[in-house]
Amino acid sequence: MMFTKPIARRAAAAATVAAALTVLGTAGAHADGWPPLQDGARLYTGTHGTGTATSLDLSEFGTCHTLAVPAGSVQVVSGSASVVLYAATDCTGAYPWATGSLAQSDTPWTMRSYRIVPA
């Protein structure tokens, strides 16, 4: 069977639109569950920005803070600060984990302390 050029173009356009909608649908599903981005930094007790939120003071550079309840996810929107998280209390442990100044992520393991550092 032979396709004419207009039919082939329409089929290609339909395939492109279907692929774009699939990608947009996946992106929307990935963002589900996260609170909207807002200035500052927050740690959440659950994954994907769920659970109880703790707001962080991004101007308090270098001070170690131990969390009363471990964090499972983090959201940071700042041009000047990032968060370094630790699995142990008192900002100790073998593998600290840093966020960067624009982040929305589940932590690789539960975090029990943090400190604010310059970005």
N, C-alpha and C. Protein backbone atom coordinates (compact mmCIF):
# COMPACT_ATOMS: atom_id res chain seq x y z
N MET A 1 0.85 -1.17 0.00
CA MET A 1 0.00 0.00 0.00
C MET A 1 0.89 1.23 0.00
N MET A 2 0.54 2.21 -0.77
CA MET A 2 1.34 3.41 -0.92
C MET A 2 0.61 4.60 -0.30
N PHE A 3 1.32 5.38 0.54
CA PHE A 3 0.74 6.56 1.16
C PHE A 3 1.04 7.78 0.31
N THR A 4 0.08 8.66 0.22
CA THR A 4 0.35 9.94 -0.45
C THR A 4 1.02 10.85 0.56
N LYS A 5 1.65 11.89 0.07
CA LYS A 5 2.39 12.79 0.96
C LYS A 5 1.50 13.43 2.02
N PRO A 6 0.29 13.93 1.69
CA PRO A 6 -0.54 14.52 2.75
C PRO A 6 -0.92 13.53 3.84
N ILE A 7 -1.20 12.29 3.49
CA ILE A 7 -1.57 11.29 4.50
C ILE A 7 -0.36 10.97 5.38
N ALA A 8 0.81 10.83 4.77
CA ALA A 8 2.02 10.55 5.54
C ALA A 8 2.34 11.70 6.48
N ARG A 9 2.14 12.93 6.02
CA ARG A 9 2.40 14.09 6.89
C ARG A 9 1.44 14.11 8.07
N ARG A 10 0.16 13.83 7.81
CA ARG A 10 -0.83 13.82 8.90
C ARG A 10 -0.51 12.72 9.92
N ALA A 11 -0.10 11.57 9.42
CA ALA A 11 0.25 10.47 10.32
C ALA A 11 1.46 10.84 11.17
N ALA A 12 2.46 11.48 10.57
CA ALA A 12 3.65 11.91 11.31
C ALA A 12 3.28 12.97 12.34
N ALA A 13 2.42 13.91 11.95
CA ALA A 13 1.99 14.95 12.89
C ALA A 13 1.22 14.35 14.06
N ALA A 14 0.35 13.39 13.78
CA ALA A 14 -0.42 12.74 14.85
C ALA A 14 0.51 11.99 15.80
N ALA A 15 1.51 11.32 15.25
CA ALA A 15 2.47 10.61 16.11
C ALA A 15 3.26 11.57 16.97
N THR A 16 3.63 12.72 16.42
CA THR A 16 4.37 13.74 17.19
C THR A 16 3.52 14.29 18.32
N VAL A 17 2.26 14.59 18.02
CA VAL A 17 1.35 15.11 19.05
C VAL A 17 1.15 14.06 20.15
N ALA A 18 0.96 12.81 19.77
CA ALA A 18 0.78 11.75 20.77
C ALA A 18 2.00 11.61 21.66
N ALA A 19 3.20 11.69 21.07
CA ALA A 19 4.43 11.61 21.86
C ALA A 19 4.55 12.79 22.81
N ALA A 20 4.22 14.00 22.35
CA ALA A 20 4.30 15.18 23.20
C ALA A 20 3.33 15.09 24.37
N LEU A 21 2.11 14.61 24.11
CA LEU A 21 1.13 14.47 25.19
C LEU A 21 1.57 13.42 26.20
N THR A 22 2.20 12.36 25.73
CA THR A 22 2.71 11.33 26.64
C THR A 22 3.78 11.91 27.55
N VAL A 23 4.69 12.70 27.00
CA VAL A 23 5.75 13.32 27.79
C VAL A 23 5.16 14.30 28.79
N LEU A 24 4.23 15.13 28.36
CA LEU A 24 3.60 16.10 29.28
C LEU A 24 2.84 15.38 30.38
N GLY A 25 2.16 14.30 30.06
CA GLY A 25 1.44 13.54 31.08
C GLY A 25 2.39 12.94 32.10
N THR A 26 3.53 12.45 31.66
CA THR A 26 4.52 11.88 32.57
C THR A 26 5.10 12.96 33.46
N ALA A 27 5.39 14.14 32.91
CA ALA A 27 5.95 15.24 33.71
C ALA A 27 4.95 15.67 34.77
N GLY A 28 3.67 15.72 34.42
CA GLY A 28 2.66 16.11 35.40
C GLY A 28 2.55 15.09 36.52
N ALA A 29 2.62 13.83 36.18
CA ALA A 29 2.52 12.78 37.19
C ALA A 29 3.73 12.81 38.12
N HIS A 30 4.91 13.12 37.61
CA HIS A 30 6.11 13.19 38.43
C HIS A 30 6.00 14.29 39.48
N ALA A 31 5.37 15.41 39.12
CA ALA A 31 5.26 16.54 40.04
C ALA A 31 4.16 16.35 41.08
N ASP A 32 3.24 15.41 40.84
CA ASP A 32 2.15 15.18 41.79
C ASP A 32 2.71 14.85 43.17
N GLY A 33 2.06 15.41 44.18
CA GLY A 33 2.47 15.13 45.54
C GLY A 33 3.40 16.18 46.12
N TRP A 34 4.15 16.86 45.27
CA TRP A 34 5.05 17.90 45.77
C TRP A 34 4.29 19.19 45.96
N PRO A 35 4.56 19.91 47.06
CA PRO A 35 3.97 21.24 47.21
C PRO A 35 4.56 22.18 46.15
N PRO A 36 3.87 23.26 45.83
CA PRO A 36 4.42 24.20 44.86
C PRO A 36 5.77 24.76 45.35
N LEU A 37 6.67 25.04 44.41
CA LEU A 37 7.94 25.66 44.77
C LEU A 37 7.70 27.04 45.34
N GLN A 38 8.42 27.38 46.39
CA GLN A 38 8.35 28.71 46.99
C GLN A 38 9.71 29.04 47.59
N ASP A 39 10.00 30.33 47.70
CA ASP A 39 11.30 30.75 48.22
C ASP A 39 11.55 30.14 49.59
N GLY A 40 12.80 29.79 49.84
CA GLY A 40 13.19 29.24 51.13
C GLY A 40 13.57 27.78 51.02
N ALA A 41 13.59 27.12 52.16
CA ALA A 41 13.94 25.70 52.21
C ALA A 41 13.06 25.01 53.23
N ARG A 42 12.66 23.79 52.89
CA ARG A 42 11.83 22.99 53.77
C ARG A 42 12.28 21.54 53.74
N LEU A 43 12.24 20.93 54.90
CA LEU A 43 12.45 19.49 55.01
C LEU A 43 11.10 18.87 55.33
N TYR A 44 10.83 17.72 54.75
CA TYR A 44 9.55 17.02 54.96
C TYR A 44 9.81 15.66 55.57
N THR A 45 8.92 15.24 56.45
CA THR A 45 9.09 13.95 57.12
C THR A 45 8.85 12.78 56.17
N GLY A 46 8.05 12.99 55.13
CA GLY A 46 7.77 11.94 54.16
C GLY A 46 8.49 12.17 52.85
N THR A 47 8.29 11.25 51.93
CA THR A 47 8.87 11.40 50.59
C THR A 47 7.97 12.29 49.73
N HIS A 48 8.53 12.82 48.66
CA HIS A 48 7.81 13.65 47.69
C HIS A 48 7.13 14.87 48.32
N GLY A 49 7.77 15.44 49.33
CA GLY A 49 7.23 16.65 49.95
C GLY A 49 5.98 16.43 50.77
N THR A 50 5.83 15.24 51.34
CA THR A 50 4.65 14.94 52.16
C THR A 50 5.04 14.89 53.63
N GLY A 51 4.05 14.84 54.47
CA GLY A 51 4.31 14.80 55.91
C GLY A 51 4.47 16.20 56.48
N THR A 52 5.02 16.27 57.64
CA THR A 52 5.22 17.54 58.33
C THR A 52 6.40 18.28 57.72
N ALA A 53 6.21 19.58 57.47
CA ALA A 53 7.26 20.42 56.90
C ALA A 53 7.98 21.19 57.99
N THR A 54 9.29 21.30 57.87
CA THR A 54 10.10 22.13 58.74
C THR A 54 10.77 23.19 57.88
N SER A 55 10.46 24.47 58.14
CA SER A 55 11.09 25.56 57.39
C SER A 55 12.48 25.83 57.95
N LEU A 56 13.45 26.04 57.06
CA LEU A 56 14.83 26.27 57.47
C LEU A 56 15.19 27.73 57.30
N ASP A 57 16.01 28.27 58.20
CA ASP A 57 16.51 29.63 58.11
C ASP A 57 17.77 29.62 57.25
N LEU A 58 17.65 30.08 56.00
CA LEU A 58 18.77 30.02 55.07
C LEU A 58 19.85 31.06 55.35
N SER A 59 19.63 31.94 56.30
CA SER A 59 20.66 32.93 56.63
C SER A 59 21.59 32.44 57.74
N GLU A 60 21.28 31.30 58.33
CA GLU A 60 22.05 30.78 59.45
C GLU A 60 23.13 29.79 58.96
N PHE A 61 24.14 30.33 58.29
CA PHE A 61 25.19 29.51 57.69
C PHE A 61 26.05 28.81 58.74
N GLY A 62 26.32 27.53 58.50
CA GLY A 62 27.29 26.79 59.29
C GLY A 62 26.80 26.14 60.57
N THR A 63 25.69 26.57 61.12
CA THR A 63 25.21 26.01 62.38
C THR A 63 24.58 24.64 62.14
N CYS A 64 24.93 23.67 62.95
CA CYS A 64 24.35 22.33 62.84
C CYS A 64 23.02 22.29 63.60
N HIS A 65 22.01 21.69 62.96
CA HIS A 65 20.70 21.52 63.58
C HIS A 65 20.34 20.04 63.55
N THR A 66 19.96 19.50 64.70
CA THR A 66 19.48 18.12 64.77
C THR A 66 17.96 18.15 64.71
N LEU A 67 17.38 17.32 63.87
CA LEU A 67 15.94 17.29 63.68
C LEU A 67 15.26 16.42 64.74
N ALA A 68 14.11 16.87 65.22
CA ALA A 68 13.33 16.07 66.17
C ALA A 68 12.75 14.84 65.48
N VAL A 69 12.36 15.00 64.22
CA VAL A 69 11.83 13.90 63.42
C VAL A 69 12.66 13.85 62.13
N PRO A 70 13.17 12.70 61.73
CA PRO A 70 14.00 12.62 60.52
C PRO A 70 13.26 13.09 59.26
N ALA A 71 14.03 13.60 58.32
CA ALA A 71 13.48 14.10 57.06
C ALA A 71 13.63 13.05 55.96
N GLY A 72 12.62 12.99 55.08
CA GLY A 72 12.65 12.07 53.95
C GLY A 72 12.72 12.76 52.60
N SER A 73 12.47 14.09 52.59
CA SER A 73 12.57 14.84 51.34
C SER A 73 12.87 16.30 51.66
N VAL A 74 13.31 17.03 50.63
CA VAL A 74 13.75 18.41 50.80
C VAL A 74 13.36 19.23 49.58
N GLN A 75 13.09 20.50 49.83
CA GLN A 75 12.81 21.45 48.75
C GLN A 75 13.55 22.73 49.07
N VAL A 76 14.38 23.21 48.12
CA VAL A 76 15.16 24.43 48.32
C VAL A 76 14.99 25.33 47.11
N VAL A 77 14.67 26.60 47.37
CA VAL A 77 14.62 27.61 46.32
C VAL A 77 15.36 28.83 46.86
N SER A 78 16.61 28.99 46.44
CA SER A 78 17.45 30.07 46.95
C SER A 78 18.55 30.34 45.92
N GLY A 79 18.94 31.57 45.80
CA GLY A 79 20.05 31.88 44.92
C GLY A 79 21.39 31.88 45.63
N SER A 80 21.37 31.73 46.94
CA SER A 80 22.62 31.90 47.69
C SER A 80 22.94 30.81 48.70
N ALA A 81 22.01 29.91 48.96
CA ALA A 81 22.24 28.91 50.01
C ALA A 81 21.80 27.53 49.55
N SER A 82 22.45 26.51 50.12
CA SER A 82 22.03 25.13 49.92
C SER A 82 22.06 24.43 51.28
N VAL A 83 21.60 23.20 51.31
CA VAL A 83 21.48 22.46 52.56
C VAL A 83 22.34 21.20 52.46
N VAL A 84 23.12 20.95 53.50
CA VAL A 84 23.86 19.70 53.60
C VAL A 84 23.17 18.89 54.69
N LEU A 85 22.76 17.68 54.34
CA LEU A 85 22.00 16.82 55.24
C LEU A 85 22.86 15.64 55.68
N TYR A 86 22.61 15.18 56.90
CA TYR A 86 23.38 14.09 57.49
C TYR A 86 22.43 13.02 58.03
N ALA A 87 22.80 11.77 57.88
CA ALA A 87 21.99 10.66 58.38
C ALA A 87 22.07 10.53 59.90
N ALA A 88 23.16 11.03 60.47
CA ALA A 88 23.34 10.96 61.93
C ALA A 88 23.04 12.32 62.56
N THR A 89 22.86 12.31 63.86
CA THR A 89 22.65 13.57 64.59
C THR A 89 23.96 14.34 64.67
N ASP A 90 23.87 15.60 65.02
CA ASP A 90 25.03 16.46 65.23
C ASP A 90 25.89 16.62 63.98
N CYS A 91 25.27 16.54 62.80
CA CYS A 91 25.95 16.73 61.51
C CYS A 91 27.17 15.84 61.37
N THR A 92 26.98 14.58 61.72
CA THR A 92 28.05 13.60 61.60
C THR A 92 27.59 12.48 60.68
N GLY A 93 28.48 11.66 60.31
CA GLY A 93 28.18 10.53 59.45
C GLY A 93 29.11 10.51 58.26
N ALA A 94 29.25 9.36 57.68
CA ALA A 94 30.23 9.16 56.60
C ALA A 94 29.81 9.78 55.28
N TYR A 95 28.52 9.93 55.02
CA TYR A 95 28.08 10.37 53.70
C TYR A 95 27.11 11.56 53.77
N PRO A 96 27.60 12.77 53.98
CA PRO A 96 26.70 13.92 53.93
C PRO A 96 26.14 14.07 52.51
N TRP A 97 24.97 14.66 52.40
CA TRP A 97 24.29 14.81 51.11
C TRP A 97 23.89 16.27 50.93
N ALA A 98 24.33 16.90 49.85
CA ALA A 98 24.08 18.32 49.60
C ALA A 98 23.00 18.50 48.54
N THR A 99 22.22 19.58 48.67
CA THR A 99 21.09 19.79 47.77
C THR A 99 21.38 20.67 46.57
N GLY A 100 22.18 21.71 46.70
CA GLY A 100 22.23 22.76 45.69
C GLY A 100 21.22 23.83 46.05
N SER A 101 21.22 24.94 45.30
CA SER A 101 20.36 26.06 45.66
C SER A 101 18.96 26.00 45.05
N LEU A 102 18.72 25.05 44.14
CA LEU A 102 17.38 24.81 43.60
C LEU A 102 17.19 23.29 43.57
N ALA A 103 16.39 22.80 44.50
CA ALA A 103 16.26 21.35 44.63
C ALA A 103 14.87 20.97 45.08
N GLN A 104 14.45 19.81 44.62
CA GLN A 104 13.20 19.19 45.06
C GLN A 104 13.45 17.70 44.94
N SER A 105 13.71 17.05 46.06
CA SER A 105 14.17 15.67 45.97
C SER A 105 13.85 14.88 47.23
N ASP A 106 13.66 13.59 47.04
CA ASP A 106 13.67 12.68 48.17
C ASP A 106 15.13 12.50 48.57
N THR A 107 15.37 12.30 49.84
CA THR A 107 16.74 12.07 50.30
C THR A 107 17.08 10.59 50.11
N PRO A 108 18.36 10.27 49.94
CA PRO A 108 18.72 8.87 49.70
C PRO A 108 18.46 7.97 50.91
N TRP A 109 18.41 8.54 52.08
CA TRP A 109 18.09 7.83 53.33
C TRP A 109 17.52 8.87 54.27
N THR A 110 16.95 8.47 55.40
CA THR A 110 16.39 9.45 56.32
C THR A 110 17.52 10.29 56.92
N MET A 111 17.26 11.57 57.03
CA MET A 111 18.25 12.52 57.51
C MET A 111 17.88 13.03 58.89
N ARG A 112 18.89 13.11 59.76
CA ARG A 112 18.63 13.47 61.15
C ARG A 112 19.23 14.81 61.55
N SER A 113 20.05 15.41 60.68
CA SER A 113 20.60 16.74 60.99
C SER A 113 20.98 17.44 59.69
N TYR A 114 21.20 18.75 59.78
CA TYR A 114 21.53 19.54 58.60
C TYR A 114 22.30 20.79 58.98
N ARG A 115 22.93 21.39 57.98
CA ARG A 115 23.51 22.72 58.12
C ARG A 115 23.34 23.45 56.80
N ILE A 116 23.21 24.77 56.88
CA ILE A 116 23.07 25.64 55.71
C ILE A 116 24.48 26.07 55.29
N VAL A 117 24.74 25.99 53.99
CA VAL A 117 26.04 26.39 53.45
C VAL A 117 25.83 27.32 52.26
N PRO A 118 26.82 28.15 51.94
CA PRO A 118 26.68 28.99 50.73
C PRO A 118 26.58 28.13 49.48
N ALA A 119 25.79 28.58 48.54
CA ALA A 119 25.63 27.84 47.28
C ALA A 119 26.82 28.09 46.36
